[in-house]
Amino acid sequence: MSMVRSLSLVAALGVFTLGATSAHAQTTCSQDTQAAFNTTSPCRVNHSVAATVPYLAQVTMSSANQVSLGTVSTAQMTAGVTGTVAGPTLQIAANFTWSLSATASSITAPADVTKSTNDLEFASNTTGTTPSTGFTGLGSAVAIATSQSAVGSSSTYHTFFRMKLAWASDKPGSYSSTVTYTLTAP
């Protein structure tokens, strides 16, 4: 399966201002006597400093290479599912509350075979331990993380894949799909 990453963000700007000592910029200072320059009334000028911080996010995928579920065996066909294979690891850094999901394109299959994207199953976790349960078909968007706060430097998610099989419908040939990971601001 080809893996592609996608980043969807809602753009908005936030502004912060570093302290100015008065509401109005003062560009000149004049004093007429030496006594006026003591520490209680020195001559000062000031200005404000401002920066704009937009919504920022970085999605890093450990590998964009193809994830192979391998060659299906008779035992797997009888069991109705391939073995579980680790996919890429996703690392997310963002300065806003975010959600992450996965979707799959339609499955490309041999001629006269129609394979549902729900047959391509997905699971994720933060531990990297291969799961035996918790798989969801990618027929619609699968939530990996929802309403995550912008705390810490980043969050890491490990992905896993398997595919449902059926003797009657899965003819010999190659089957593939593209999985897209989407980061959004809720």
Protein backbone atom coordinates (compact mmCIF):
# COMPACT_ATOMS: atom_id res chain seq x y z
CA MET A 1 0.00 0.00 0.00
CA SER A 2 1.26 3.45 -0.81
CA MET A 3 1.35 5.86 2.07
CA VAL A 4 0.84 9.57 1.53
CA ARG A 5 0.66 12.31 4.08
CA SER A 6 -1.71 15.19 3.96
CA LEU A 7 -1.91 18.25 6.13
CA SER A 8 -5.09 20.29 6.36
CA LEU A 9 -5.03 23.38 8.54
CA VAL A 10 -7.41 26.21 9.20
CA ALA A 11 -5.37 29.40 8.93
CA ALA A 12 -5.79 32.14 11.48
CA LEU A 13 -3.44 34.59 13.08
CA GLY A 14 -2.73 35.40 16.68
CA VAL A 15 -0.67 38.40 17.83
CA PHE A 16 1.36 38.95 20.94
CA THR A 17 3.12 42.15 21.94
CA LEU A 18 6.28 42.44 23.96
CA GLY A 19 5.97 45.15 26.60
CA ALA A 20 6.27 48.76 25.69
CA THR A 21 6.61 51.17 28.60
CA SER A 22 3.89 53.54 27.44
CA ALA A 23 0.88 53.59 25.14
CA HIS A 24 2.50 56.11 22.79
CA ALA A 25 5.90 55.73 21.18
CA GLN A 26 8.28 58.39 22.35
CA THR A 27 10.94 59.26 19.78
CA THR A 28 12.76 62.15 21.49
CA CYS A 29 13.84 63.05 24.96
CA SER A 30 15.06 66.50 25.95
CA GLN A 31 16.32 67.70 29.29
CA ASP A 32 18.02 70.98 30.03
CA THR A 33 20.06 70.41 33.17
CA GLN A 34 22.63 67.92 34.36
CA ALA A 35 20.55 67.22 37.46
CA ALA A 36 17.68 65.99 35.27
CA PHE A 37 19.81 63.04 34.07
CA ASN A 38 20.09 61.34 37.45
CA THR A 39 18.60 57.89 38.06
CA THR A 40 15.20 59.23 39.15
CA SER A 41 14.49 60.98 35.85
CA PRO A 42 16.77 59.68 33.09
CA CYS A 43 16.09 60.53 29.47
CA ARG A 44 14.16 57.67 27.77
CA VAL A 45 12.71 56.85 24.37
CA ASN A 46 10.64 53.74 23.61
CA HIS A 47 8.84 51.74 20.97
CA SER A 48 6.74 48.57 20.83
CA VAL A 49 7.79 45.20 19.42
CA ALA A 50 5.18 42.84 17.92
CA ALA A 51 5.23 39.41 16.31
CA THR A 52 2.52 37.37 14.61
CA VAL A 53 2.28 33.67 15.41
CA PRO A 54 0.00 31.78 12.99
CA TYR A 55 -1.44 28.30 13.48
CA LEU A 56 1.63 26.07 13.09
CA ALA A 57 1.84 22.29 12.74
CA GLN A 58 4.32 19.71 11.62
CA VAL A 59 3.43 16.13 10.67
CA THR A 60 6.41 13.82 10.27
CA MET A 61 5.93 10.34 8.87
CA SER A 62 8.71 7.83 9.54
CA SER A 63 8.53 6.45 6.00
CA ALA A 64 6.52 7.16 2.88
CA ASN A 65 7.52 3.80 1.41
CA GLN A 66 4.96 1.18 0.55
CA VAL A 67 3.68 -0.96 3.42
CA SER A 68 3.48 -4.58 2.27
CA LEU A 69 1.00 -6.98 3.80
CA GLY A 70 3.01 -9.74 2.16
CA THR A 71 1.88 -12.71 0.12
CA VAL A 72 -1.32 -14.22 1.46
CA SER A 73 -1.08 -17.82 2.69
CA THR A 74 -3.81 -20.49 2.71
CA ALA A 75 -3.92 -20.20 6.52
CA GLN A 76 -4.57 -16.44 6.26
CA MET A 77 -7.22 -16.92 3.56
CA THR A 78 -8.94 -19.51 5.76
CA ALA A 79 -8.70 -17.18 8.80
CA GLY A 80 -10.16 -14.36 6.67
CA VAL A 81 -7.43 -11.81 7.39
CA THR A 82 -3.78 -11.13 6.61
CA GLY A 83 -1.23 -10.83 9.39
CA THR A 84 -0.89 -7.44 11.07
CA VAL A 85 1.90 -5.26 9.66
CA ALA A 86 3.34 -2.11 11.21
CA GLY A 87 2.90 1.02 9.13
CA PRO A 88 4.64 4.35 9.52
CA THR A 89 5.03 6.21 12.79
CA LEU A 90 3.49 9.70 12.80
CA GLN A 91 4.91 12.50 14.93
CA ILE A 92 2.71 15.57 15.42
CA ALA A 93 3.72 18.99 16.73
CA ALA A 94 1.22 21.87 16.77
CA ASN A 95 0.56 25.06 18.68
CA PHE A 96 -3.24 24.60 18.69
CA THR A 97 -5.81 21.95 19.62
CA TRP A 98 -5.87 19.42 16.78
CA SER A 99 -7.35 16.15 15.53
CA LEU A 100 -5.74 13.49 13.33
CA SER A 101 -7.52 10.99 11.07
CA ALA A 102 -6.75 8.38 8.41
CA THR A 103 -8.66 7.63 5.19
CA ALA A 104 -8.04 5.25 2.30
CA SER A 105 -8.66 5.59 -1.41
CA SER A 106 -10.58 2.85 -3.19
CA ILE A 107 -8.71 -0.43 -3.39
CA THR A 108 -7.14 -1.20 -6.73
CA ALA A 109 -7.73 -4.90 -7.42
CA PRO A 110 -7.48 -7.39 -10.28
CA ALA A 111 -10.01 -7.09 -13.12
CA ASP A 112 -13.62 -7.98 -12.21
CA VAL A 113 -12.85 -7.82 -8.46
CA THR A 114 -14.43 -5.17 -6.26
CA LYS A 115 -12.85 -4.88 -2.83
CA SER A 116 -14.31 -2.54 -0.22
CA THR A 117 -12.02 -0.07 1.56
CA ASN A 118 -13.62 -1.45 4.74
CA ASP A 119 -11.60 -4.61 4.04
CA LEU A 120 -8.43 -2.59 4.63
CA GLU A 121 -8.26 -2.38 8.41
CA PHE A 122 -6.31 0.13 10.48
CA ALA A 123 -5.30 0.51 14.13
CA SER A 124 -3.00 2.93 15.92
CA ASN A 125 -1.53 3.44 19.36
CA THR A 126 1.12 5.43 21.19
CA THR A 127 3.05 2.41 22.51
CA GLY A 128 4.20 0.73 19.30
CA THR A 129 2.96 -2.65 20.55
CA THR A 130 1.29 -4.64 17.76
CA PRO A 131 -2.44 -4.77 18.58
CA SER A 132 -4.56 -7.89 18.26
CA THR A 133 -7.86 -5.98 18.49
CA GLY A 134 -9.16 -2.47 17.83
CA PHE A 135 -8.93 -2.55 14.03
CA THR A 136 -11.36 -0.42 12.00
CA GLY A 137 -12.09 -0.59 8.27
CA LEU A 138 -10.93 2.45 6.32
CA GLY A 139 -14.23 2.78 4.44
CA SER A 140 -14.60 6.19 6.07
CA ALA A 141 -12.29 8.47 8.05
CA VAL A 142 -10.87 6.81 11.15
CA ALA A 143 -10.02 9.08 14.09
CA ILE A 144 -6.48 8.53 15.36
CA ALA A 145 -6.59 11.37 17.89
CA THR A 146 -9.25 13.99 18.60
CA SER A 147 -9.04 17.37 20.35
CA GLN A 148 -5.40 16.99 21.34
CA SER A 149 -3.97 19.94 23.24
CA ALA A 150 -0.81 21.69 22.12
CA VAL A 151 1.18 20.48 25.13
CA GLY A 152 4.71 19.12 25.13
CA SER A 153 6.88 19.12 22.07
CA SER A 154 5.07 16.43 20.08
CA SER A 155 2.81 13.35 20.07
CA THR A 156 3.72 10.03 18.44
CA TYR A 157 1.29 7.51 16.89
CA HIS A 158 2.22 4.06 15.54
CA THR A 159 0.04 2.66 12.73
CA PHE A 160 -0.86 -0.96 11.89
CA PHE A 161 -2.64 -2.55 8.93
CA ARG A 162 -4.27 -5.81 7.90
CA MET A 163 -6.75 -6.81 5.20
CA LYS A 164 -9.86 -8.97 5.35
CA LEU A 165 -9.83 -11.91 2.93
CA ALA A 166 -12.42 -14.23 1.33
CA TRP A 167 -11.86 -17.38 -0.73
CA ALA A 168 -14.85 -16.59 -2.97
CA SER A 169 -13.99 -13.00 -3.88
CA ASP A 170 -10.24 -12.38 -3.57
CA LYS A 171 -8.82 -13.56 -6.90
CA PRO A 172 -5.07 -13.81 -7.56
CA GLY A 173 -3.38 -10.47 -8.20
CA SER A 174 -2.22 -7.27 -6.52
CA TYR A 175 -4.39 -5.18 -4.23
CA SER A 176 -3.42 -1.66 -3.18
CA SER A 177 -4.76 1.59 -1.74
CA THR A 178 -3.40 4.97 -0.69
CA VAL A 179 -3.80 6.01 2.95
CA THR A 180 -3.97 9.73 3.75
CA TYR A 181 -3.42 11.19 7.23
CA THR A 182 -5.15 14.52 7.85
CA LEU A 183 -4.45 16.96 10.69
CA THR A 184 -7.20 19.51 11.35
CA ALA A 185 -8.02 22.23 13.85
CA PRO A 186 -11.37 21.31 15.44
